[in-house]
């Protein structure tokens, strides 16, 4: 709605009853700070958060990124063992 769209229009898009125009899609992508390819990448469950994490990783050096990777692996191994 911050893009000037009605809540009804947004709801129709969310429920699949309507599709945004190309211009609307570009506006959505710009608003969330992502490319159209990121928007459509169905391998990414949380694209906004994924981009925010990638932006933070880009500020780190190799050692720091390695520590983050180790932490992610640890978290995922704990989840898999539940």
PDB file of N, CA and C in Angstrom:
ATOM      1  N   UNK A   1       0.824  -1.182   0.000  1.00  0.00           N
ATOM      2  CA  UNK A   1       0.000   0.000   0.000  1.00  0.00           C
ATOM      3  C   UNK A   1       0.871   1.250   0.000  1.00  0.00           C
ATOM      4  N   UNK A   2       2.107   1.116   0.479  1.00  0.00           N
ATOM      5  CA  UNK A   2       3.025   2.251   0.475  1.00  0.00           C
ATOM      6  C   UNK A   2       3.399   2.665  -0.948  1.00  0.00           C
ATOM      7  N   UNK A   3       3.105   1.803  -1.906  1.00  0.00           N
ATOM      8  CA  UNK A   3       3.374   2.113  -3.313  1.00  0.00           C
ATOM      9  C   UNK A   3       2.181   2.783  -3.985  1.00  0.00           C
ATOM     10  N   UNK A   4       1.159   3.109  -3.183  1.00  0.00           N
ATOM     11  CA  UNK A   4      -0.004   3.778  -3.729  1.00  0.00           C
ATOM     12  C   UNK A   4      -1.065   2.838  -4.261  1.00  0.00           C
ATOM     13  N   UNK A   5      -1.009   1.573  -3.866  1.00  0.00           N
ATOM     14  CA  UNK A   5      -1.989   0.591  -4.318  1.00  0.00           C
ATOM     15  C   UNK A   5      -3.007   0.349  -3.205  1.00  0.00           C
ATOM     16  N   UNK A   6      -4.220   0.011  -3.594  1.00  0.00           N
ATOM     17  CA  UNK A   6      -5.267  -0.247  -2.610  1.00  0.00           C
ATOM     18  C   UNK A   6      -5.035  -1.607  -1.947  1.00  0.00           C
ATOM     19  N   UNK A   7      -5.578  -1.755  -0.748  1.00  0.00           N
ATOM     20  CA  UNK A   7      -5.449  -3.035  -0.047  1.00  0.00           C
ATOM     21  C   UNK A   7      -6.176  -4.138  -0.813  1.00  0.00           C
ATOM     22  N   UNK A   8      -7.251  -3.801  -1.500  1.00  0.00           N
ATOM     23  CA  UNK A   8      -7.988  -4.788  -2.299  1.00  0.00           C
ATOM     24  C   UNK A   8      -7.114  -5.312  -3.436  1.00  0.00           C
ATOM     25  N   UNK A   9      -6.401  -4.405  -4.117  1.00  0.00           N
ATOM     26  CA  UNK A   9      -5.517  -4.799  -5.214  1.00  0.00           C
ATOM     27  C   UNK A   9      -4.394  -5.697  -4.693  1.00  0.00           C
ATOM     28  N   UNK A  10      -3.781  -5.321  -3.585  1.00  0.00           N
ATOM     29  CA  UNK A  10      -2.704  -6.125  -2.995  1.00  0.00           C
ATOM     30  C   UNK A  10      -3.233  -7.502  -2.614  1.00  0.00           C
ATOM     31  N   UNK A  11      -4.425  -7.552  -2.025  1.00  0.00           N
ATOM     32  CA  UNK A  11      -5.034  -8.824  -1.644  1.00  0.00           C
ATOM     33  C   UNK A  11      -5.281  -9.704  -2.860  1.00  0.00           C
ATOM     34  N   UNK A  12      -5.728  -9.121  -3.965  1.00  0.00           N
ATOM     35  CA  UNK A  12      -5.972  -9.887  -5.185  1.00  0.00           C
ATOM     36  C   UNK A  12      -4.676 -10.490  -5.729  1.00  0.00           C
ATOM     37  N   UNK A  13      -3.591  -9.753  -5.620  1.00  0.00           N
ATOM     38  CA  UNK A  13      -2.289 -10.275  -6.058  1.00  0.00           C
ATOM     39  C   UNK A  13      -1.849 -11.402  -5.133  1.00  0.00           C
ATOM     40  N   UNK A  14      -1.992 -11.198  -3.829  1.00  0.00           N
ATOM     41  CA  UNK A  14      -1.579 -12.214  -2.856  1.00  0.00           C
ATOM     42  C   UNK A  14      -2.355 -13.515  -3.024  1.00  0.00           C
ATOM     43  N   UNK A  15      -3.621 -13.423  -3.380  1.00  0.00           N
ATOM     44  CA  UNK A  15      -4.451 -14.620  -3.524  1.00  0.00           C
ATOM     45  C   UNK A  15      -4.419 -15.202  -4.931  1.00  0.00           C
ATOM     46  N   UNK A  16      -3.704 -14.556  -5.848  1.00  0.00           N
ATOM     47  CA  UNK A  16      -3.587 -15.054  -7.215  1.00  0.00           C
ATOM     48  C   UNK A  16      -4.761 -14.711  -8.111  1.00  0.00           C
ATOM     49  N   UNK A  17      -5.653 -13.846  -7.643  1.00  0.00           N
ATOM     50  CA  UNK A  17      -6.810 -13.452  -8.454  1.00  0.00           C
ATOM     51  C   UNK A  17      -6.455 -12.383  -9.482  1.00  0.00           C
ATOM     52  N   UNK A  18      -5.315 -11.736  -9.276  1.00  0.00           N
ATOM     53  CA  UNK A  18      -4.877 -10.678 -10.185  1.00  0.00           C
ATOM     54  C   UNK A  18      -3.360 -10.741 -10.281  1.00  0.00           C
ATOM     55  N   UNK A  19      -2.847 -10.234 -11.381  1.00  0.00           N
ATOM     56  CA  UNK A  19      -1.398 -10.171 -11.584  1.00  0.00           C
ATOM     57  C   UNK A  19      -0.999  -8.715 -11.761  1.00  0.00           C
ATOM     58  N   UNK A  20       0.138  -8.317 -11.196  1.00  0.00           N
ATOM     59  CA  UNK A  20       0.568  -6.936 -11.386  1.00  0.00           C
ATOM     60  C   UNK A  20       1.046  -6.714 -12.822  1.00  0.00           C
ATOM     61  N   UNK A  21       0.984  -5.480 -13.258  1.00  0.00           N
ATOM     62  CA  UNK A  21       1.552  -5.138 -14.561  1.00  0.00           C
ATOM     63  C   UNK A  21       3.071  -5.234 -14.459  1.00  0.00           C
ATOM     64  N   UNK A  22       3.741  -5.161 -15.584  1.00  0.00           N
ATOM     65  CA  UNK A  22       5.206  -5.175 -15.575  1.00  0.00           C
ATOM     66  C   UNK A  22       5.717  -3.991 -14.764  1.00  0.00           C
ATOM     67  N   UNK A  23       5.112  -2.841 -14.952  1.00  0.00           N
ATOM     68  CA  UNK A  23       5.507  -1.649 -14.188  1.00  0.00           C
ATOM     69  C   UNK A  23       5.273  -1.879 -12.690  1.00  0.00           C
ATOM     70  N   UNK A  24       4.143  -2.506 -12.358  1.00  0.00           N
ATOM     71  CA  UNK A  24       3.851  -2.812 -10.960  1.00  0.00           C
ATOM     72  C   UNK A  24       4.867  -3.769 -10.368  1.00  0.00           C
ATOM     73  N   UNK A  25       5.254  -4.786 -11.144  1.00  0.00           N
ATOM     74  CA  UNK A  25       6.262  -5.732 -10.690  1.00  0.00           C
ATOM     75  C   UNK A  25       7.588  -5.029 -10.436  1.00  0.00           C
ATOM     76  N   UNK A  26       7.981  -4.165 -11.351  1.00  0.00           N
ATOM     77  CA  UNK A  26       9.226  -3.409 -11.180  1.00  0.00           C
ATOM     78  C   UNK A  26       9.158  -2.542  -9.924  1.00  0.00           C
ATOM     79  N   UNK A  27       8.007  -1.927  -9.687  1.00  0.00           N
ATOM     80  CA  UNK A  27       7.837  -1.111  -8.477  1.00  0.00           C
ATOM     81  C   UNK A  27       7.950  -1.960  -7.219  1.00  0.00           C
ATOM     82  N   UNK A  28       7.333  -3.156  -7.225  1.00  0.00           N
ATOM     83  CA  UNK A  28       7.439  -4.051  -6.073  1.00  0.00           C
ATOM     84  C   UNK A  28       8.899  -4.441  -5.833  1.00  0.00           C
ATOM     85  N   UNK A  29       9.588  -4.811  -6.901  1.00  0.00           N
ATOM     86  CA  UNK A  29      10.992  -5.213  -6.773  1.00  0.00           C
ATOM     87  C   UNK A  29      11.845  -4.061  -6.241  1.00  0.00           C
ATOM     88  N   UNK A  30      11.645  -2.872  -6.773  1.00  0.00           N
ATOM     89  CA  UNK A  30      12.379  -1.704  -6.288  1.00  0.00           C
ATOM     90  C   UNK A  30      12.097  -1.457  -4.818  1.00  0.00           C
ATOM     91  N   UNK A  31      10.843  -1.581  -4.435  1.00  0.00           N
ATOM     92  CA  UNK A  31      10.450  -1.342  -3.046  1.00  0.00           C
ATOM     93  C   UNK A  31      11.170  -2.296  -2.098  1.00  0.00           C
ATOM     94  N   UNK A  32      11.260  -3.571  -2.497  1.00  0.00           N
ATOM     95  CA  UNK A  32      11.906  -4.567  -1.649  1.00  0.00           C
ATOM     96  C   UNK A  32      13.409  -4.667  -1.889  1.00  0.00           C
ATOM     97  N   UNK A  33      13.941  -3.861  -2.818  1.00  0.00           N
ATOM     98  CA  UNK A  33      15.380  -3.839  -3.057  1.00  0.00           C
ATOM     99  C   UNK A  33      15.906  -5.121  -3.672  1.00  0.00           C
ATOM    100  N   UNK A  34      15.156  -5.678  -4.626  1.00  0.00           N
ATOM    101  CA  UNK A  34      15.591  -6.915  -5.267  1.00  0.00           C
ATOM    102  C   UNK A  34      15.356  -6.849  -6.761  1.00  0.00           C
ATOM    103  N   UNK A  35      16.038  -7.713  -7.470  1.00  0.00           N
ATOM    104  CA  UNK A  35      15.847  -7.793  -8.915  1.00  0.00           C
ATOM    105  C   UNK A  35      14.638  -8.679  -9.212  1.00  0.00           C
ATOM    106  N   UNK A  36      14.163  -8.612 -10.435  1.00  0.00           N
ATOM    107  CA  UNK A  36      13.044  -9.468 -10.841  1.00  0.00           C
ATOM    108  C   UNK A  36      13.446 -10.939 -10.778  1.00  0.00           C
ATOM    109  N   UNK A  37      14.695 -11.258 -11.105  1.00  0.00           N
ATOM    110  CA  UNK A  37      15.129 -12.662 -11.033  1.00  0.00           C
ATOM    111  C   UNK A  37      15.120 -13.161  -9.592  1.00  0.00           C
ATOM    112  N   UNK A  38      15.504 -12.316  -8.654  1.00  0.00           N
ATOM    113  CA  UNK A  38      15.426 -12.707  -7.246  1.00  0.00           C
ATOM    114  C   UNK A  38      13.967 -12.890  -6.820  1.00  0.00           C
ATOM    115  N   UNK A  39      13.108 -12.028  -7.306  1.00  0.00           N
ATOM    116  CA  UNK A  39      11.687 -12.090  -6.975  1.00  0.00           C
ATOM    117  C   UNK A  39      11.075 -13.416  -7.419  1.00  0.00           C
ATOM    118  N   UNK A  40      11.489 -13.905  -8.589  1.00  0.00           N
ATOM    119  CA  UNK A  40      10.909 -15.122  -9.147  1.00  0.00           C
ATOM    120  C   UNK A  40      11.671 -16.393  -8.793  1.00  0.00           C
ATOM    121  N   UNK A  41      12.768 -16.282  -8.074  1.00  0.00           N
ATOM    122  CA  UNK A  41      13.560 -17.462  -7.723  1.00  0.00           C
ATOM    123  C   UNK A  41      12.833 -18.245  -6.634  1.00  0.00           C
ATOM    124  N   UNK A  42      12.198 -19.354  -7.014  1.00  0.00           N
ATOM    125  CA  UNK A  42      11.392 -20.112  -6.060  1.00  0.00           C
ATOM    126  C   UNK A  42      12.235 -20.956  -5.104  1.00  0.00           C
ATOM    127  N   UNK A  43      13.546 -20.933  -5.263  1.00  0.00           N
ATOM    128  CA  UNK A  43      14.411 -21.634  -4.305  1.00  0.00           C
ATOM    129  C   UNK A  43      14.610 -20.804  -3.041  1.00  0.00           C
ATOM    130  N   UNK A  44      14.273 -19.533  -3.102  1.00  0.00           N
ATOM    131  CA  UNK A  44      14.464 -18.637  -1.966  1.00  0.00           C
ATOM    132  C   UNK A  44      13.118 -18.396  -1.291  1.00  0.00           C
ATOM    133  N   UNK A  45      12.966 -18.939  -0.094  1.00  0.00           N
ATOM    134  CA  UNK A  45      11.686 -18.836   0.617  1.00  0.00           C
ATOM    135  C   UNK A  45      11.441 -17.432   1.173  1.00  0.00           C
ATOM    136  N   UNK A  46      12.505 -16.744   1.549  1.00  0.00           N
ATOM    137  CA  UNK A  46      12.389 -15.420   2.164  1.00  0.00           C
ATOM    138  C   UNK A  46      13.315 -14.444   1.429  1.00  0.00           C
ATOM    139  N   UNK A  47      12.915 -13.991   0.235  1.00  0.00           N
ATOM    140  CA  UNK A  47      13.826 -13.194  -0.600  1.00  0.00           C
ATOM    141  C   UNK A  47      14.277 -11.883   0.025  1.00  0.00           C
ATOM    142  N   UNK A  48      13.425 -11.204   0.756  1.00  0.00           N
ATOM    143  CA  UNK A  48      13.819  -9.922   1.368  1.00  0.00           C
ATOM    144  C   UNK A  48      14.895 -10.169   2.419  1.00  0.00           C
ATOM    145  N   UNK A  49      14.672 -11.162   3.257  1.00  0.00           N
ATOM    146  CA  UNK A  49      15.644 -11.482   4.300  1.00  0.00           C
ATOM    147  C   UNK A  49      16.947 -12.017   3.700  1.00  0.00           C
ATOM    148  N   UNK A  50      16.818 -12.831   2.659  1.00  0.00           N
ATOM    149  CA  UNK A  50      17.986 -13.383   1.967  1.00  0.00           C
ATOM    150  C   UNK A  50      18.869 -12.260   1.436  1.00  0.00           C
ATOM    151  N   UNK A  51      18.250 -11.260   0.825  1.00  0.00           N
ATOM    152  CA  UNK A  51      19.011 -10.130   0.294  1.00  0.00           C
ATOM    153  C   UNK A  51      19.673  -9.347   1.422  1.00  0.00           C
ATOM    154  N   UNK A  52      18.966  -9.152   2.528  1.00  0.00           N
ATOM    155  CA  UNK A  52      19.543  -8.423   3.667  1.00  0.00           C
ATOM    156  C   UNK A  52      20.759  -9.171   4.221  1.00  0.00           C
ATOM    157  N   UNK A  53      20.664 -10.497   4.300  1.00  0.00           N
ATOM    158  CA  UNK A  53      21.798 -11.296   4.772  1.00  0.00           C
ATOM    159  C   UNK A  53      22.966 -11.178   3.803  1.00  0.00           C
ATOM    160  N   UNK A  54      22.683 -11.279   2.504  1.00  0.00           N
ATOM    161  CA  UNK A  54      23.744 -11.167   1.493  1.00  0.00           C
ATOM    162  C   UNK A  54      24.417  -9.800   1.568  1.00  0.00           C
ATOM    163  N   UNK A  55      23.636  -8.746   1.782  1.00  0.00           N
ATOM    164  CA  UNK A  55      24.212  -7.405   1.901  1.00  0.00           C
ATOM    165  C   UNK A  55      25.165  -7.322   3.091  1.00  0.00           C
ATOM    166  N   UNK A  56      24.778  -7.934   4.212  1.00  0.00           N
ATOM    167  CA  UNK A  56      25.644  -7.934   5.394  1.00  0.00           C
ATOM    168  C   UNK A  56      26.895  -8.778   5.165  1.00  0.00           C
ATOM    169  N   UNK A  57      26.749  -9.922   4.497  1.00  0.00           N
ATOM    170  CA  UNK A  57      27.901 -10.776   4.208  1.00  0.00           C
ATOM    171  C   UNK A  57      28.919 -10.052   3.330  1.00  0.00           C
ATOM    172  N   UNK A  58      28.440  -9.222   2.430  1.00  0.00           N
ATOM    173  CA  UNK A  58      29.335  -8.486   1.539  1.00  0.00           C
ATOM    174  C   UNK A  58      30.207  -7.478   2.276  1.00  0.00           C
ATOM    175  N   UNK A  59      29.886  -7.187   3.519  1.00  0.00           N
ATOM    176  CA  UNK A  59      30.671  -6.254   4.336  1.00  0.00           C
ATOM    177  C   UNK A  59      31.768  -6.973   5.125  1.00  0.00           C
ATOM    178  N   UNK A  60      31.786  -8.307   5.071  1.00  0.00           N
ATOM    179  CA  UNK A  60      32.689  -9.107   5.895  1.00  0.00           C
ATOM    180  C   UNK A  60      33.895  -9.596   5.119  1.00  0.00           C
ATOM    181  N   UNK A  61      34.933  -9.951   5.879  1.00  0.00           N
ATOM    182  CA  UNK A  61      36.100 -10.560   5.244  1.00  0.00           C
ATOM    183  C   UNK A  61      35.917 -12.082   5.234  1.00  0.00           C
ATOM    184  N   UNK A  62      36.872 -12.781   4.633  1.00  0.00           N
ATOM    185  CA  UNK A  62      36.746 -14.225   4.439  1.00  0.00           C
ATOM    186  C   UNK A  62      36.627 -14.972   5.769  1.00  0.00           C
ATOM    187  N   UNK A  63      37.386 -14.566   6.783  1.00  0.00           N
ATOM    188  CA  UNK A  63      37.336 -15.251   8.065  1.00  0.00           C
ATOM    189  C   UNK A  63      35.953 -15.094   8.707  1.00  0.00           C
ATOM    190  N   UNK A  64      35.407 -13.895   8.663  1.00  0.00           N
ATOM    191  CA  UNK A  64      34.088 -13.648   9.251  1.00  0.00           C
ATOM    192  C   UNK A  64      33.004 -14.437   8.518  1.00  0.00           C
ATOM    193  N   UNK A  65      33.101 -14.488   7.208  1.00  0.00           N
ATOM    194  CA  UNK A  65      32.129 -15.263   6.429  1.00  0.00           C
ATOM    195  C   UNK A  65      32.231 -16.739   6.781  1.00  0.00           C
ATOM    196  N   UNK A  66      33.449 -17.237   6.980  1.00  0.00           N
ATOM    197  CA  UNK A  66      33.646 -18.624   7.392  1.00  0.00           C
ATOM    198  C   UNK A  66      32.977 -18.906   8.731  1.00  0.00           C
ATOM    199  N   UNK A  67      33.061 -17.969   9.669  1.00  0.00           N
ATOM    200  CA  UNK A  67      32.409 -18.142  10.972  1.00  0.00           C
ATOM    201  C   UNK A  67      30.889 -18.178  10.831  1.00  0.00           C
ATOM    202  N   UNK A  68      30.358 -17.308   9.984  1.00  0.00           N
ATOM    203  CA  UNK A  68      28.912 -17.298   9.742  1.00  0.00           C
ATOM    204  C   UNK A  68      28.487 -18.616   9.109  1.00  0.00           C
ATOM    205  N   UNK A  69      29.255 -19.100   8.163  1.00  0.00           N
ATOM    206  CA  UNK A  69      28.951 -20.375   7.521  1.00  0.00           C
ATOM    207  C   UNK A  69      28.955 -21.518   8.532  1.00  0.00           C
ATOM    208  N   UNK A  70      29.967 -21.527   9.414  1.00  0.00           N
ATOM    209  CA  UNK A  70      30.016 -22.558  10.458  1.00  0.00           C
ATOM    210  C   UNK A  70      28.788 -22.488  11.356  1.00  0.00           C
ATOM    211  N   UNK A  71      28.362 -21.284  11.706  1.00  0.00           N
ATOM    212  CA  UNK A  71      27.176 -21.109  12.542  1.00  0.00           C
ATOM    213  C   UNK A  71      25.930 -21.635  11.830  1.00  0.00           C
ATOM    214  N   UNK A  72      25.782 -21.307  10.556  1.00  0.00           N
ATOM    215  CA  UNK A  72      24.629 -21.792   9.787  1.00  0.00           C
ATOM    216  C   UNK A  72      24.608 -23.318   9.715  1.00  0.00           C
ATOM    217  N   UNK A  73      25.757 -23.922   9.504  1.00  0.00           N
ATOM    218  CA  UNK A  73      25.837 -25.375   9.453  1.00  0.00           C
ATOM    219  C   UNK A  73      25.450 -25.985  10.796  1.00  0.00           C
ATOM    220  N   UNK A  74      25.889 -25.373  11.879  1.00  0.00           N
ATOM    221  CA  UNK A  74      25.551 -25.855  13.211  1.00  0.00           C
ATOM    222  C   UNK A  74      24.044 -25.764  13.462  1.00  0.00           C
ATOM    223  N   UNK A  75      23.455 -24.639  13.120  1.00  0.00           N
ATOM    224  CA  UNK A  75      22.005 -24.448  13.285  1.00  0.00           C
ATOM    225  C   UNK A  75      21.249 -25.486  12.474  1.00  0.00           C
ATOM    226  N   UNK A  76      21.635 -25.679  11.231  1.00  0.00           N
ATOM    227  CA  UNK A  76      20.932 -26.632  10.367  1.00  0.00           C
ATOM    228  C   UNK A  76      21.101 -28.071  10.835  1.00  0.00           C
ATOM    229  N   UNK A  77      22.269 -28.415  11.361  1.00  0.00           N
ATOM    230  CA  UNK A  77      22.466 -29.784  11.849  1.00  0.00           C
ATOM    231  C   UNK A  77      21.596 -30.022  13.082  1.00  0.00           C
ATOM    232  N   UNK A  78      21.428 -29.015  13.928  1.00  0.00           N
ATOM    233  CA  UNK A  78      20.551 -29.145  15.107  1.00  0.00           C
ATOM    234  C   UNK A  78      19.098 -29.336  14.668  1.00  0.00           C
ATOM    235  N   UNK A  79      18.695 -28.615  13.638  1.00  0.00           N
ATOM    236  CA  UNK A  79      17.317 -28.721  13.121  1.00  0.00           C
ATOM    237  C   UNK A  79      17.075 -30.108  12.536  1.00  0.00           C
ATOM    238  N   UNK A  80      18.040 -30.642  11.835  1.00  0.00           N
ATOM    239  CA  UNK A  80      17.893 -31.945  11.194  1.00  0.00           C
ATOM    240  C   UNK A  80      17.818 -33.073  12.222  1.00  0.00           C
ATOM    241  N   UNK A  81      18.385 -32.865  13.395  1.00  0.00           N
ATOM    242  CA  UNK A  81      18.412 -33.899  14.418  1.00  0.00           C
ATOM    243  C   UNK A  81      17.216 -33.843  15.364  1.00  0.00           C
ATOM    244  N   UNK A  82      16.280 -32.960  15.116  1.00  0.00           N
ATOM    245  CA  UNK A  82      15.100 -32.865  15.992  1.00  0.00           C
ATOM    246  C   UNK A  82      14.153 -33.991  15.740  1.00  0.00           C
TER     247      UNK A  82
END
